[in-house]
């Protein structure tokens, strides 16, 4: 009985090893592993391609030119007994894709995004929203550019996506006129220009 158990365990171990090798792309002596598809720089930066709801895809002819991870707050003020969004305030760190290089920016009232490296700016309007995949989070958006300034990172931007949102929703508590609060949030912003 002991011999059988050892043989079964060894067989199970060999199958498990083969499965691990196949799923990780490992090879055994004399075998060449199958090539893996390389991630685009933007997807590699994000840890994989984001899931984009169909309603948040820019029209054909617009290409992705930069991608950023944002961390900040959504600022809410109390007017008539309820919390209302006043402005976002966030720092963005990411990549400009052409030429490929690191980039940083600020996000603030407007909504506006400004490169803190080259001073270019884009201001958005007419957001289209889709629910976040994360419960109790601000919606994902596709924002149309209303105006741009400069020729660098944000010069000529046509659309902005806000994806993978986490946090940032208005408080559900009562408030008094004049109260303000800042609710932390994270998101991915992707910027597009005409091809």
Protein backbone atom coordinates (compact mmCIF):
# COMPACT_ATOMS: atom_id res chain seq x y z
CA UNK A 1 0.00 0.00 0.00
CA UNK A 2 2.84 2.39 0.76
CA UNK A 3 4.38 1.77 -2.67
CA UNK A 4 1.09 2.55 -4.44
CA UNK A 5 0.67 5.78 -2.52
CA UNK A 6 4.16 6.91 -3.50
CA UNK A 7 3.51 6.08 -7.17
CA UNK A 8 0.20 7.98 -7.18
CA UNK A 9 1.77 10.96 -5.42
CA UNK A 10 4.67 10.99 -7.87
CA UNK A 11 2.22 10.81 -10.80
CA UNK A 12 0.11 13.65 -9.41
CA UNK A 13 3.29 15.67 -8.84
CA UNK A 14 4.43 15.14 -12.42
CA UNK A 15 1.04 16.23 -13.81
CA UNK A 16 1.03 19.31 -11.56
CA UNK A 17 4.56 20.20 -12.71
CA UNK A 18 3.55 19.83 -16.36
CA UNK A 19 0.47 22.04 -15.83
CA UNK A 20 2.54 24.74 -14.14
CA UNK A 21 5.10 24.64 -16.94
CA UNK A 22 2.43 24.93 -19.64
CA UNK A 23 0.58 27.83 -17.98
CA UNK A 24 3.75 29.79 -17.21
CA UNK A 25 5.41 29.23 -20.57
CA UNK A 26 8.29 27.23 -19.07
CA UNK A 27 10.05 24.71 -21.26
CA UNK A 28 11.65 21.38 -20.69
CA UNK A 29 14.98 20.28 -22.18
CA UNK A 30 14.91 20.55 -25.96
CA UNK A 31 11.59 22.44 -26.11
CA UNK A 32 11.08 26.07 -27.10
CA UNK A 33 8.44 27.94 -25.06
CA UNK A 34 5.57 29.57 -26.93
CA UNK A 35 6.11 33.33 -27.26
CA UNK A 36 3.92 35.54 -25.09
CA UNK A 37 2.19 38.55 -26.54
CA UNK A 38 4.01 41.68 -25.42
CA UNK A 39 1.91 44.26 -23.62
CA UNK A 40 1.73 47.74 -25.08
CA UNK A 41 3.67 50.25 -22.92
CA UNK A 42 0.43 51.80 -21.59
CA UNK A 43 -1.02 48.41 -20.62
CA UNK A 44 2.29 47.31 -19.12
CA UNK A 45 2.34 50.49 -16.98
CA UNK A 46 -1.20 49.72 -15.76
CA UNK A 47 -0.48 46.04 -15.13
CA UNK A 48 -2.73 44.95 -18.00
CA UNK A 49 -5.25 46.36 -20.40
CA UNK A 50 -8.16 48.12 -18.65
CA UNK A 51 -11.73 47.05 -19.22
CA UNK A 52 -13.48 49.89 -21.05
CA UNK A 53 -17.29 50.00 -21.22
CA UNK A 54 -18.52 50.39 -24.82
CA UNK A 55 -20.12 53.76 -24.02
CA UNK A 56 -16.71 55.15 -22.97
CA UNK A 57 -14.79 54.34 -26.16
CA UNK A 58 -13.80 57.48 -28.12
CA UNK A 59 -14.93 57.73 -31.77
CA UNK A 60 -12.75 56.14 -34.46
CA UNK A 61 -9.79 58.27 -35.48
CA UNK A 62 -8.70 59.07 -31.90
CA UNK A 63 -5.58 57.35 -30.59
CA UNK A 64 -4.26 56.86 -27.07
CA UNK A 65 -1.35 59.25 -26.43
CA UNK A 66 -0.85 59.16 -22.64
CA UNK A 67 -1.97 57.21 -19.60
CA UNK A 68 -1.84 58.17 -15.92
CA UNK A 69 -2.63 56.76 -12.49
CA UNK A 70 -4.29 59.37 -10.30
CA UNK A 71 -4.51 59.70 -6.54
CA UNK A 72 -6.34 62.54 -4.88
CA UNK A 73 -9.67 63.71 -3.50
CA UNK A 74 -13.10 64.71 -4.68
CA UNK A 75 -13.99 67.90 -2.79
CA UNK A 76 -17.65 68.31 -1.80
CA UNK A 77 -19.42 71.37 -0.41
CA UNK A 78 -22.76 71.63 1.36
CA UNK A 79 -25.26 74.03 -0.14
CA UNK A 80 -28.87 73.13 0.60
CA UNK A 81 -28.39 70.31 3.07
CA UNK A 82 -26.76 67.90 0.60
CA UNK A 83 -23.20 67.35 -0.54
CA UNK A 84 -22.37 68.63 -4.04
CA UNK A 85 -19.12 68.13 -5.96
CA UNK A 86 -17.00 71.28 -5.89
CA UNK A 87 -13.85 70.06 -7.60
CA UNK A 88 -11.34 67.25 -7.96
CA UNK A 89 -7.79 67.64 -6.71
CA UNK A 90 -5.34 64.93 -7.75
CA UNK A 91 -1.77 64.24 -8.78
CA UNK A 92 -1.16 62.05 -11.83
CA UNK A 93 1.89 59.95 -12.67
CA UNK A 94 2.16 58.11 -15.95
CA UNK A 95 3.51 57.82 -19.45
CA UNK A 96 3.48 59.96 -22.55
CA UNK A 97 3.45 57.40 -25.37
CA UNK A 98 4.99 59.39 -28.27
CA UNK A 99 7.79 59.82 -27.44
CA UNK A 100 7.70 57.20 -24.67
CA UNK A 101 8.70 58.92 -21.44
CA UNK A 102 7.45 59.41 -17.87
CA UNK A 103 5.01 62.26 -17.31
CA UNK A 104 3.29 63.91 -14.35
CA UNK A 105 0.29 66.21 -14.13
CA UNK A 106 -2.30 67.85 -11.89
CA UNK A 107 -6.09 67.49 -12.05
CA UNK A 108 -8.35 70.25 -10.73
CA UNK A 109 -11.55 72.27 -11.21
CA UNK A 110 -12.85 72.55 -14.75
CA UNK A 111 -12.39 69.59 -14.96
CA UNK A 112 -8.86 70.38 -16.11
CA UNK A 113 -5.60 68.48 -16.41
CA UNK A 114 -2.27 70.33 -16.60
CA UNK A 115 1.20 68.96 -17.25
CA UNK A 116 3.53 70.17 -14.53
CA UNK A 117 6.42 69.62 -16.95
CA UNK A 118 5.42 71.50 -20.11
CA UNK A 119 2.42 73.58 -18.95
CA UNK A 120 0.02 72.12 -21.51
CA UNK A 121 -3.59 71.90 -20.40
CA UNK A 122 -6.86 70.29 -21.42
CA UNK A 123 -10.26 71.25 -20.06
CA UNK A 124 -13.16 68.84 -20.46
CA UNK A 125 -16.93 69.01 -20.90
CA UNK A 126 -19.97 66.81 -21.58
CA UNK A 127 -19.00 63.68 -19.63
CA UNK A 128 -20.60 60.34 -20.49
CA UNK A 129 -20.65 58.03 -17.47
CA UNK A 130 -20.64 54.32 -16.74
CA UNK A 131 -20.73 52.64 -13.32
CA UNK A 132 -17.48 51.77 -11.62
CA UNK A 133 -16.64 48.12 -11.14
CA UNK A 134 -15.69 49.00 -7.54
CA UNK A 135 -18.68 49.44 -5.20
CA UNK A 136 -19.20 52.89 -3.63
CA UNK A 137 -16.95 54.60 -6.17
CA UNK A 138 -17.37 57.57 -8.50
CA UNK A 139 -18.42 56.62 -12.05
CA UNK A 140 -16.08 56.00 -14.95
CA UNK A 141 -16.23 58.72 -17.62
CA UNK A 142 -15.54 59.67 -21.21
CA UNK A 143 -14.97 63.43 -21.28
CA UNK A 144 -14.83 65.53 -24.46
CA UNK A 145 -12.06 68.13 -24.63
CA UNK A 146 -13.47 71.67 -24.67
CA UNK A 147 -10.14 73.49 -25.02
CA UNK A 148 -6.43 72.76 -24.96
CA UNK A 149 -3.34 74.88 -24.46
CA UNK A 150 0.14 74.24 -25.83
CA UNK A 151 1.64 71.51 -27.98
CA UNK A 152 3.01 69.04 -25.41
CA UNK A 153 1.39 66.21 -23.43
CA UNK A 154 -2.14 67.68 -23.36
CA UNK A 155 -1.98 69.87 -26.46
CA UNK A 156 -4.55 68.70 -29.01
CA UNK A 157 -6.25 66.18 -26.68
CA UNK A 158 -9.73 65.27 -27.96
CA UNK A 159 -11.04 62.84 -25.31
CA UNK A 160 -10.25 61.81 -21.74
CA UNK A 161 -11.25 58.51 -20.13
CA UNK A 162 -11.52 58.08 -16.37
CA UNK A 163 -11.41 54.35 -15.64
CA UNK A 164 -10.88 51.92 -12.76
CA UNK A 165 -12.25 54.37 -10.19
CA UNK A 166 -12.08 53.59 -6.48
CA UNK A 167 -13.63 55.79 -3.78
CA UNK A 168 -14.51 59.45 -4.12
CA UNK A 169 -18.28 59.29 -3.63
CA UNK A 170 -20.16 62.04 -1.79
CA UNK A 171 -20.82 61.45 1.91
CA UNK A 172 -24.30 60.23 2.81
CA UNK A 173 -24.29 62.12 6.09
CA UNK A 174 -26.23 65.31 6.72
CA UNK A 175 -24.38 68.61 6.34
CA UNK A 176 -24.77 72.28 7.14
CA UNK A 177 -24.42 75.14 4.65
CA UNK A 178 -20.75 76.06 4.25
CA UNK A 179 -19.37 72.61 5.22
CA UNK A 180 -16.71 71.05 2.99
CA UNK A 181 -15.13 67.62 2.90
CA UNK A 182 -12.56 65.80 0.78
CA UNK A 183 -13.10 62.13 -0.11
CA UNK A 184 -10.03 60.14 -1.28
CA UNK A 185 -10.17 58.45 -4.69
CA UNK A 186 -7.97 56.69 -7.23
CA UNK A 187 -8.47 56.36 -10.99
CA UNK A 188 -6.77 55.78 -14.31
CA UNK A 189 -6.89 58.61 -16.86
CA UNK A 190 -6.26 57.96 -20.55
CA UNK A 191 -5.85 60.81 -23.05
CA UNK A 192 -6.58 60.64 -26.78
CA UNK A 193 -5.72 62.82 -29.79
CA UNK A 194 -6.75 62.72 -33.46
CA UNK A 195 -4.66 60.19 -35.37
